[in-house]
Amino acid sequence: MPAECVTVAIFRQPTPYTGSKLALGALMETQRVCLVIEDNDDIRGLITVVLTRAGFDVRAVATGADGIAAAADPSVALITLDLGLPDMDGHVVARAIRALSTAPLLFLTARSEQDDHLAGMASGAAAYVTKPFHPQELREVALRLCPATAPATTDQASQQA
């Protein structure tokens, strides 16, 4: 099986912020945190880029144990999980995470048989995407599971105060 190579380049111009502190605070509150649990460096990097561009603050780990520990953070709004981790079975990781967090679990794995899908759903998956995947598919599923909320405008924020 030939090795896959993923090259990712990000070109982002810094944008100065010129709004009020209140509007900045409202904008910062809307960024969702996604925990990515993936052992392959290239795939983890690709997932990170796709989800960052979709508006997520991405935190990525390479092992099931690190993923379980990171999932305890209440700010995590979405979790992507590879089932084929080096240290433990992904279904075990999913059940441990489900005991700690209510964040939707998006299984992102090479396991593509019908039984794999059913076992994934039984382990707590909200969605199941098989590798290889299209970046747009990952983005769409992630945004469906964890939709972006519109930032409060300065008028809305001042009405709430």
N, C-alpha and C. Protein backbone atom coordinates (compact mmCIF):
# COMPACT_ATOMS: atom_id res chain seq x y z
N MET A 1 0.85 -1.18 0.00
CA MET A 1 0.00 0.00 0.00
C MET A 1 0.89 1.24 0.00
N PRO A 2 0.77 2.09 -0.99
CA PRO A 2 1.63 3.28 -1.04
C PRO A 2 1.29 4.27 0.06
N ALA A 3 2.30 4.91 0.56
CA ALA A 3 2.10 5.92 1.61
C ALA A 3 1.48 7.16 0.99
N GLU A 4 0.55 7.76 1.72
CA GLU A 4 -0.08 8.98 1.25
C GLU A 4 0.68 10.18 1.80
N CYS A 5 0.74 11.22 1.02
CA CYS A 5 1.40 12.43 1.45
C CYS A 5 0.42 13.58 1.33
N VAL A 6 0.29 14.33 2.38
CA VAL A 6 -0.61 15.47 2.38
C VAL A 6 0.22 16.72 2.62
N THR A 7 0.13 17.66 1.70
CA THR A 7 0.83 18.92 1.86
C THR A 7 -0.20 20.01 2.07
N VAL A 8 0.00 20.78 3.10
CA VAL A 8 -0.95 21.83 3.44
C VAL A 8 -0.21 23.14 3.58
N ALA A 9 -0.71 24.16 2.92
CA ALA A 9 -0.13 25.50 3.06
C ALA A 9 -1.23 26.46 3.49
N ILE A 10 -0.91 27.27 4.45
CA ILE A 10 -1.88 28.25 4.93
C ILE A 10 -1.29 29.63 4.71
N PHE A 11 -2.03 30.46 3.99
CA PHE A 11 -1.62 31.83 3.77
C PHE A 11 -2.70 32.71 4.38
N ARG A 12 -2.37 33.34 5.46
CA ARG A 12 -3.36 34.17 6.14
C ARG A 12 -2.73 35.52 6.46
N GLN A 13 -3.38 36.56 6.00
CA GLN A 13 -2.92 37.90 6.32
C GLN A 13 -3.50 38.29 7.67
N PRO A 14 -2.70 38.83 8.57
CA PRO A 14 -3.26 39.29 9.83
C PRO A 14 -4.24 40.43 9.59
N THR A 15 -5.36 40.37 10.27
CA THR A 15 -6.38 41.40 10.12
C THR A 15 -6.48 42.17 11.42
N PRO A 16 -6.20 43.47 11.39
CA PRO A 16 -6.31 44.24 12.63
C PRO A 16 -7.76 44.32 13.08
N TYR A 17 -7.97 44.25 14.38
CA TYR A 17 -9.31 44.35 14.92
C TYR A 17 -9.58 45.80 15.29
N THR A 18 -10.69 46.34 14.80
CA THR A 18 -10.98 47.75 15.05
C THR A 18 -12.31 47.95 15.76
N GLY A 19 -12.99 46.88 16.17
CA GLY A 19 -14.28 47.00 16.84
C GLY A 19 -14.13 47.25 18.32
N SER A 20 -15.28 47.29 19.01
CA SER A 20 -15.27 47.53 20.44
C SER A 20 -14.84 46.28 21.20
N LYS A 21 -14.42 46.45 22.45
CA LYS A 21 -14.04 45.31 23.28
C LYS A 21 -15.23 44.40 23.50
N LEU A 22 -16.41 44.95 23.64
CA LEU A 22 -17.62 44.16 23.85
C LEU A 22 -17.87 43.26 22.65
N ALA A 23 -17.77 43.81 21.45
CA ALA A 23 -17.98 43.01 20.24
C ALA A 23 -16.90 41.95 20.12
N LEU A 24 -15.66 42.26 20.48
CA LEU A 24 -14.57 41.29 20.42
C LEU A 24 -14.86 40.15 21.39
N GLY A 25 -15.34 40.47 22.58
CA GLY A 25 -15.66 39.43 23.55
C GLY A 25 -16.76 38.52 23.04
N ALA A 26 -17.78 39.09 22.39
CA ALA A 26 -18.86 38.29 21.84
C ALA A 26 -18.36 37.39 20.73
N LEU A 27 -17.44 37.90 19.91
CA LEU A 27 -16.87 37.12 18.83
C LEU A 27 -16.05 35.96 19.39
N MET A 28 -15.27 36.22 20.42
CA MET A 28 -14.43 35.18 21.00
C MET A 28 -15.27 34.08 21.63
N GLU A 29 -16.42 34.43 22.19
CA GLU A 29 -17.27 33.44 22.83
C GLU A 29 -17.90 32.49 21.82
N THR A 30 -17.98 32.87 20.55
CA THR A 30 -18.64 32.04 19.56
C THR A 30 -17.72 30.98 18.96
N GLN A 31 -16.42 31.05 19.18
CA GLN A 31 -15.53 30.05 18.60
C GLN A 31 -15.68 28.73 19.33
N ARG A 32 -15.97 27.70 18.56
CA ARG A 32 -16.17 26.37 19.12
C ARG A 32 -14.86 25.62 19.20
N VAL A 33 -14.71 24.79 20.22
CA VAL A 33 -13.50 24.00 20.40
C VAL A 33 -13.75 22.60 19.89
N CYS A 34 -12.85 22.12 19.03
CA CYS A 34 -12.93 20.76 18.52
C CYS A 34 -11.68 20.00 18.97
N LEU A 35 -11.89 18.85 19.57
CA LEU A 35 -10.81 17.96 19.96
C LEU A 35 -10.64 16.92 18.86
N VAL A 36 -9.44 16.84 18.30
CA VAL A 36 -9.12 15.87 17.25
C VAL A 36 -8.24 14.79 17.86
N ILE A 37 -8.69 13.53 17.78
CA ILE A 37 -7.92 12.40 18.28
C ILE A 37 -7.56 11.54 17.07
N GLU A 38 -6.31 11.65 16.63
CA GLU A 38 -5.84 11.00 15.40
C GLU A 38 -4.34 10.74 15.54
N ASP A 39 -3.92 9.50 15.32
CA ASP A 39 -2.50 9.16 15.50
C ASP A 39 -1.63 9.50 14.29
N ASN A 40 -2.18 9.60 13.11
CA ASN A 40 -1.39 9.90 11.91
C ASN A 40 -1.15 11.40 11.81
N ASP A 41 0.13 11.80 11.82
CA ASP A 41 0.49 13.22 11.81
C ASP A 41 -0.10 13.97 10.62
N ASP A 42 -0.01 13.38 9.42
CA ASP A 42 -0.49 14.06 8.22
C ASP A 42 -2.01 14.25 8.25
N ILE A 43 -2.72 13.20 8.63
CA ILE A 43 -4.18 13.29 8.68
C ILE A 43 -4.60 14.24 9.79
N ARG A 44 -3.93 14.17 10.93
CA ARG A 44 -4.23 15.09 12.04
C ARG A 44 -4.04 16.54 11.58
N GLY A 45 -2.98 16.80 10.84
CA GLY A 45 -2.72 18.14 10.31
C GLY A 45 -3.80 18.59 9.34
N LEU A 46 -4.22 17.70 8.46
CA LEU A 46 -5.28 18.03 7.50
C LEU A 46 -6.59 18.33 8.21
N ILE A 47 -6.96 17.48 9.16
CA ILE A 47 -8.20 17.70 9.92
C ILE A 47 -8.14 19.05 10.64
N THR A 48 -6.98 19.35 11.22
CA THR A 48 -6.80 20.61 11.93
C THR A 48 -7.01 21.80 11.00
N VAL A 49 -6.43 21.74 9.81
CA VAL A 49 -6.58 22.85 8.86
C VAL A 49 -8.04 23.00 8.43
N VAL A 50 -8.68 21.89 8.08
CA VAL A 50 -10.07 21.95 7.61
C VAL A 50 -10.99 22.54 8.69
N LEU A 51 -10.83 22.05 9.91
CA LEU A 51 -11.74 22.51 10.98
C LEU A 51 -11.40 23.92 11.46
N THR A 52 -10.14 24.30 11.40
CA THR A 52 -9.76 25.68 11.74
C THR A 52 -10.40 26.64 10.74
N ARG A 53 -10.34 26.29 9.47
CA ARG A 53 -10.95 27.13 8.44
C ARG A 53 -12.47 27.16 8.56
N ALA A 54 -13.04 26.14 9.19
CA ALA A 54 -14.49 26.10 9.41
C ALA A 54 -14.88 26.88 10.66
N GLY A 55 -13.89 27.45 11.36
CA GLY A 55 -14.19 28.30 12.50
C GLY A 55 -13.98 27.67 13.86
N PHE A 56 -13.36 26.50 13.90
CA PHE A 56 -13.12 25.83 15.18
C PHE A 56 -11.76 26.19 15.75
N ASP A 57 -11.67 26.19 17.06
CA ASP A 57 -10.39 26.24 17.77
C ASP A 57 -10.03 24.77 17.97
N VAL A 58 -9.02 24.28 17.26
CA VAL A 58 -8.72 22.85 17.25
C VAL A 58 -7.62 22.52 18.25
N ARG A 59 -7.88 21.48 19.02
CA ARG A 59 -6.89 20.90 19.93
C ARG A 59 -6.70 19.46 19.49
N ALA A 60 -5.47 19.09 19.13
CA ALA A 60 -5.23 17.78 18.56
C ALA A 60 -4.30 16.94 19.44
N VAL A 61 -4.65 15.66 19.57
CA VAL A 61 -3.83 14.70 20.32
C VAL A 61 -3.68 13.44 19.48
N ALA A 62 -2.67 12.61 19.84
CA ALA A 62 -2.34 11.45 19.02
C ALA A 62 -2.70 10.11 19.65
N THR A 63 -3.14 10.09 20.90
CA THR A 63 -3.43 8.81 21.55
C THR A 63 -4.81 8.85 22.20
N GLY A 64 -5.34 7.67 22.45
CA GLY A 64 -6.62 7.56 23.11
C GLY A 64 -6.58 8.10 24.53
N ALA A 65 -5.50 7.78 25.25
CA ALA A 65 -5.36 8.25 26.63
C ALA A 65 -5.35 9.78 26.69
N ASP A 66 -4.59 10.40 25.80
CA ASP A 66 -4.56 11.87 25.76
C ASP A 66 -5.93 12.44 25.36
N GLY A 67 -6.62 11.74 24.47
CA GLY A 67 -7.94 12.18 24.04
C GLY A 67 -8.96 12.14 25.18
N ILE A 68 -8.93 11.08 25.97
CA ILE A 68 -9.85 10.97 27.10
C ILE A 68 -9.59 12.10 28.09
N ALA A 69 -8.31 12.35 28.38
CA ALA A 69 -7.96 13.43 29.31
C ALA A 69 -8.42 14.78 28.78
N ALA A 70 -8.20 15.04 27.49
CA ALA A 70 -8.56 16.32 26.90
C ALA A 70 -10.08 16.50 26.80
N ALA A 71 -10.82 15.41 26.66
CA ALA A 71 -12.27 15.48 26.52
C ALA A 71 -12.97 15.92 27.80
N ALA A 72 -12.26 15.87 28.92
CA ALA A 72 -12.84 16.31 30.19
C ALA A 72 -13.03 17.81 30.25
N ASP A 73 -12.39 18.55 29.34
CA ASP A 73 -12.52 20.01 29.30
C ASP A 73 -13.94 20.37 28.84
N PRO A 74 -14.68 21.09 29.66
CA PRO A 74 -16.07 21.40 29.29
C PRO A 74 -16.21 22.34 28.09
N SER A 75 -15.13 22.97 27.65
CA SER A 75 -15.23 23.87 26.50
C SER A 75 -15.24 23.10 25.17
N VAL A 76 -14.94 21.81 25.19
CA VAL A 76 -14.92 21.01 23.96
C VAL A 76 -16.35 20.84 23.46
N ALA A 77 -16.59 21.29 22.20
CA ALA A 77 -17.92 21.27 21.62
C ALA A 77 -18.10 20.16 20.58
N LEU A 78 -16.99 19.60 20.07
CA LEU A 78 -17.02 18.55 19.06
C LEU A 78 -15.76 17.72 19.20
N ILE A 79 -15.87 16.42 18.99
CA ILE A 79 -14.72 15.53 19.09
C ILE A 79 -14.66 14.66 17.84
N THR A 80 -13.52 14.67 17.13
CA THR A 80 -13.32 13.71 16.05
C THR A 80 -12.43 12.61 16.59
N LEU A 81 -12.74 11.37 16.23
CA LEU A 81 -12.05 10.22 16.79
C LEU A 81 -11.72 9.20 15.73
N ASP A 82 -10.45 8.85 15.63
CA ASP A 82 -10.00 7.74 14.79
C ASP A 82 -10.14 6.47 15.63
N LEU A 83 -10.69 5.43 15.05
CA LEU A 83 -10.87 4.19 15.81
C LEU A 83 -9.60 3.37 15.91
N GLY A 84 -8.68 3.53 14.96
CA GLY A 84 -7.45 2.74 14.94
C GLY A 84 -6.30 3.43 15.63
N LEU A 85 -6.40 3.62 16.93
CA LEU A 85 -5.35 4.30 17.69
C LEU A 85 -4.31 3.30 18.17
N PRO A 86 -3.08 3.74 18.40
CA PRO A 86 -2.01 2.81 18.77
C PRO A 86 -2.09 2.29 20.21
N ASP A 87 -2.70 3.06 21.10
CA ASP A 87 -2.66 2.67 22.51
C ASP A 87 -3.92 1.97 23.02
N MET A 88 -5.05 2.20 22.36
CA MET A 88 -6.29 1.56 22.80
C MET A 88 -7.32 1.58 21.69
N ASP A 89 -8.30 0.71 21.78
CA ASP A 89 -9.35 0.63 20.78
C ASP A 89 -10.21 1.90 20.82
N GLY A 90 -10.55 2.40 19.66
CA GLY A 90 -11.33 3.64 19.58
C GLY A 90 -12.71 3.54 20.22
N HIS A 91 -13.31 2.35 20.20
CA HIS A 91 -14.62 2.19 20.85
C HIS A 91 -14.50 2.35 22.36
N VAL A 92 -13.40 1.87 22.93
CA VAL A 92 -13.15 2.04 24.37
C VAL A 92 -12.98 3.53 24.68
N VAL A 93 -12.23 4.22 23.82
CA VAL A 93 -12.02 5.66 23.97
C VAL A 93 -13.37 6.38 23.90
N ALA A 94 -14.20 6.00 22.93
CA ALA A 94 -15.50 6.65 22.76
C ALA A 94 -16.38 6.48 24.00
N ARG A 95 -16.42 5.28 24.54
CA ARG A 95 -17.25 5.05 25.73
C ARG A 95 -16.73 5.83 26.93
N ALA A 96 -15.40 5.92 27.06
CA ALA A 96 -14.81 6.70 28.17
C ALA A 96 -15.13 8.19 27.99
N ILE A 97 -15.04 8.68 26.76
CA ILE A 97 -15.35 10.08 26.49
C ILE A 97 -16.82 10.36 26.75
N ARG A 98 -17.69 9.44 26.33
CA ARG A 98 -19.13 9.64 26.51
C ARG A 98 -19.47 9.78 28.00
N ALA A 99 -18.69 9.13 28.88
CA ALA A 99 -18.92 9.25 30.32
C ALA A 99 -18.50 10.62 30.85
N LEU A 100 -17.64 11.32 30.10
CA LEU A 100 -17.10 12.61 30.53
C LEU A 100 -17.74 13.82 29.84
N SER A 101 -18.26 13.61 28.64
CA SER A 101 -18.64 14.74 27.81
C SER A 101 -19.91 14.45 27.02
N THR A 102 -20.67 15.49 26.75
CA THR A 102 -21.85 15.36 25.89
C THR A 102 -21.58 15.89 24.49
N ALA A 103 -20.33 16.30 24.22
CA ALA A 103 -19.98 16.81 22.89
C ALA A 103 -20.21 15.72 21.85
N PRO A 104 -20.71 16.08 20.67
CA PRO A 104 -20.91 15.08 19.62
C PRO A 104 -19.58 14.43 19.23
N LEU A 105 -19.64 13.11 19.00
CA LEU A 105 -18.47 12.35 18.55
C LEU A 105 -18.60 12.11 17.05
N LEU A 106 -17.59 12.52 16.31
CA LEU A 106 -17.51 12.29 14.87
C LEU A 106 -16.42 11.26 14.64
N PHE A 107 -16.80 10.03 14.30
CA PHE A 107 -15.80 9.00 14.03
C PHE A 107 -15.26 9.24 12.63
N LEU A 108 -13.95 9.30 12.51
CA LEU A 108 -13.26 9.54 11.26
C LEU A 108 -12.24 8.43 11.12
N THR A 109 -12.58 7.38 10.37
CA THR A 109 -11.82 6.15 10.42
C THR A 109 -11.78 5.41 9.09
N ALA A 110 -10.82 4.51 8.96
CA ALA A 110 -10.71 3.68 7.77
C ALA A 110 -11.63 2.47 7.83
N ARG A 111 -12.19 2.19 8.98
CA ARG A 111 -13.10 1.05 9.13
C ARG A 111 -14.41 1.38 8.43
N SER A 112 -14.71 0.61 7.37
CA SER A 112 -15.83 1.00 6.52
C SER A 112 -16.93 -0.05 6.36
N GLU A 113 -16.83 -1.15 7.05
CA GLU A 113 -17.86 -2.20 6.94
C GLU A 113 -19.13 -1.77 7.69
N GLN A 114 -20.26 -2.35 7.31
CA GLN A 114 -21.54 -2.03 7.94
C GLN A 114 -21.48 -2.28 9.45
N ASP A 115 -20.84 -3.39 9.86
CA ASP A 115 -20.71 -3.70 11.28
C ASP A 115 -19.93 -2.63 12.02
N ASP A 116 -18.93 -2.04 11.34
CA ASP A 116 -18.14 -0.97 11.95
C ASP A 116 -19.01 0.25 12.21
N HIS A 117 -19.86 0.60 11.24
CA HIS A 117 -20.76 1.74 11.41
C HIS A 117 -21.71 1.50 12.59
N LEU A 118 -22.28 0.31 12.65
CA LEU A 118 -23.22 0.00 13.73
C LEU A 118 -22.53 0.02 15.09
N ALA A 119 -21.32 -0.55 15.15
CA ALA A 119 -20.57 -0.54 16.41
C ALA A 119 -20.21 0.89 16.81
N GLY A 120 -19.90 1.72 15.82
CA GLY A 120 -19.59 3.13 16.09
C GLY A 120 -20.77 3.86 16.68
N MET A 121 -21.94 3.66 16.11
CA MET A 121 -23.13 4.31 16.64
C MET A 121 -23.45 3.79 18.04
N ALA A 122 -23.24 2.50 18.27
CA ALA A 122 -23.47 1.92 19.60
C ALA A 122 -22.48 2.48 20.63
N SER A 123 -21.31 2.91 20.16
CA SER A 123 -20.29 3.47 21.06
C SER A 123 -20.50 4.96 21.32
N GLY A 124 -21.50 5.54 20.70
CA GLY A 124 -21.81 6.94 20.98
C GLY A 124 -21.53 7.92 19.86
N ALA A 125 -21.23 7.42 18.65
CA ALA A 125 -20.95 8.33 17.54
C ALA A 125 -22.21 9.07 17.10
N ALA A 126 -22.07 10.35 16.84
CA ALA A 126 -23.14 11.14 16.26
C ALA A 126 -23.07 11.09 14.74
N ALA A 127 -21.87 10.82 14.21
CA ALA A 127 -21.65 10.71 12.76
C ALA A 127 -20.44 9.83 12.52
N TYR A 128 -20.36 9.27 11.31
CA TYR A 128 -19.32 8.32 10.95
C TYR A 128 -18.85 8.66 9.55
N VAL A 129 -17.58 9.05 9.40
CA VAL A 129 -17.00 9.38 8.10
C VAL A 129 -15.82 8.45 7.87
N THR A 130 -15.78 7.82 6.69
CA THR A 130 -14.69 6.89 6.40
C THR A 130 -13.57 7.57 5.62
N LYS A 131 -12.36 7.08 5.89
CA LYS A 131 -11.16 7.54 5.17
C LYS A 131 -11.00 6.66 3.93
N PRO A 132 -10.50 7.21 2.85
CA PRO A 132 -10.17 8.62 2.66
C PRO A 132 -11.45 9.45 2.56
N PHE A 133 -11.36 10.67 3.03
CA PHE A 133 -12.51 11.56 3.03
C PHE A 133 -12.18 12.82 2.25
N HIS A 134 -13.20 13.50 1.80
CA HIS A 134 -13.02 14.79 1.15
C HIS A 134 -13.08 15.87 2.23
N PRO A 135 -12.16 16.82 2.22
CA PRO A 135 -12.19 17.88 3.23
C PRO A 135 -13.54 18.58 3.34
N GLN A 136 -14.23 18.79 2.22
CA GLN A 136 -15.54 19.45 2.25
C GLN A 136 -16.55 18.59 3.01
N GLU A 137 -16.46 17.27 2.87
CA GLU A 137 -17.36 16.37 3.59
C GLU A 137 -17.14 16.50 5.10
N LEU A 138 -15.87 16.53 5.51
CA LEU A 138 -15.55 16.69 6.93
C LEU A 138 -16.11 18.01 7.45
N ARG A 139 -15.89 19.07 6.70
CA ARG A 139 -16.38 20.40 7.09
C ARG A 139 -17.90 20.40 7.26
N GLU A 140 -18.60 19.85 6.29
CA GLU A 140 -20.07 19.85 6.33
C GLU A 140 -20.60 19.05 7.52
N VAL A 141 -20.02 17.88 7.77
CA VAL A 141 -20.48 17.05 8.88
C VAL A 141 -20.19 17.76 10.21
N ALA A 142 -19.00 18.33 10.33
CA ALA A 142 -18.63 19.04 11.57
C ALA A 142 -19.57 20.21 11.83
N LEU A 143 -19.87 20.98 10.79
CA LEU A 143 -20.76 22.13 10.96
C LEU A 143 -22.20 21.70 11.23
N ARG A 144 -22.60 20.56 10.72
CA ARG A 144 -23.95 20.04 11.01
C ARG A 144 -24.04 19.61 12.48
N LEU A 145 -22.98 18.97 12.98
CA LEU A 145 -22.98 18.51 14.37
C LEU A 145 -22.80 19.65 15.37
N CYS A 146 -22.07 20.67 14.95
CA CYS A 146 -21.75 21.78 15.86
C CYS A 146 -21.86 23.09 15.08
N PRO A 147 -23.09 23.53 14.82
CA PRO A 147 -23.27 24.74 14.01
C PRO A 147 -22.70 25.98 14.68
N ALA A 148 -22.23 26.87 13.83
CA ALA A 148 -21.70 28.15 14.32
C ALA A 148 -22.87 29.00 14.79
N THR A 149 -22.64 29.73 15.86
CA THR A 149 -23.65 30.68 16.32
C THR A 149 -23.21 32.06 15.87
N ALA A 150 -24.16 32.85 15.49
CA ALA A 150 -23.85 34.20 15.04
C ALA A 150 -23.37 35.02 16.23
N PRO A 151 -22.27 35.75 16.05
CA PRO A 151 -21.81 36.59 17.15
C PRO A 151 -22.80 37.69 17.45
N ALA A 152 -22.93 38.01 18.72
CA ALA A 152 -23.83 39.09 19.12
C ALA A 152 -23.30 40.41 18.59
N THR A 153 -24.19 41.22 18.08
CA THR A 153 -23.78 42.55 17.65
C THR A 153 -23.66 43.43 18.88
N THR A 154 -23.06 44.58 18.73
CA THR A 154 -22.90 45.50 19.85
C THR A 154 -24.28 45.91 20.40
N ASP A 155 -25.27 46.11 19.53
CA ASP A 155 -26.63 46.46 19.97
C ASP A 155 -27.24 45.35 20.79
N GLN A 156 -27.11 44.09 20.32
CA GLN A 156 -27.66 42.96 21.03
C GLN A 156 -26.98 42.79 22.38
N ALA A 157 -25.68 42.94 22.41
CA ALA A 157 -24.92 42.77 23.65
C ALA A 157 -25.27 43.85 24.66
N SER A 158 -25.48 45.09 24.21
CA SER A 158 -25.82 46.15 25.14
C SER A 158 -27.25 46.00 25.66
N GLN A 159 -28.14 45.40 24.87
CA GLN A 159 -29.51 45.15 25.33
C GLN A 159 -29.53 44.08 26.41
N GLN A 160 -28.61 43.12 26.31
CA GLN A 160 -28.55 42.03 27.28
C GLN A 160 -27.90 42.47 28.58
N ALA A 161 -27.10 43.54 28.55
CA ALA A 161 -26.39 43.99 29.75
C ALA A 161 -27.27 44.70 30.73
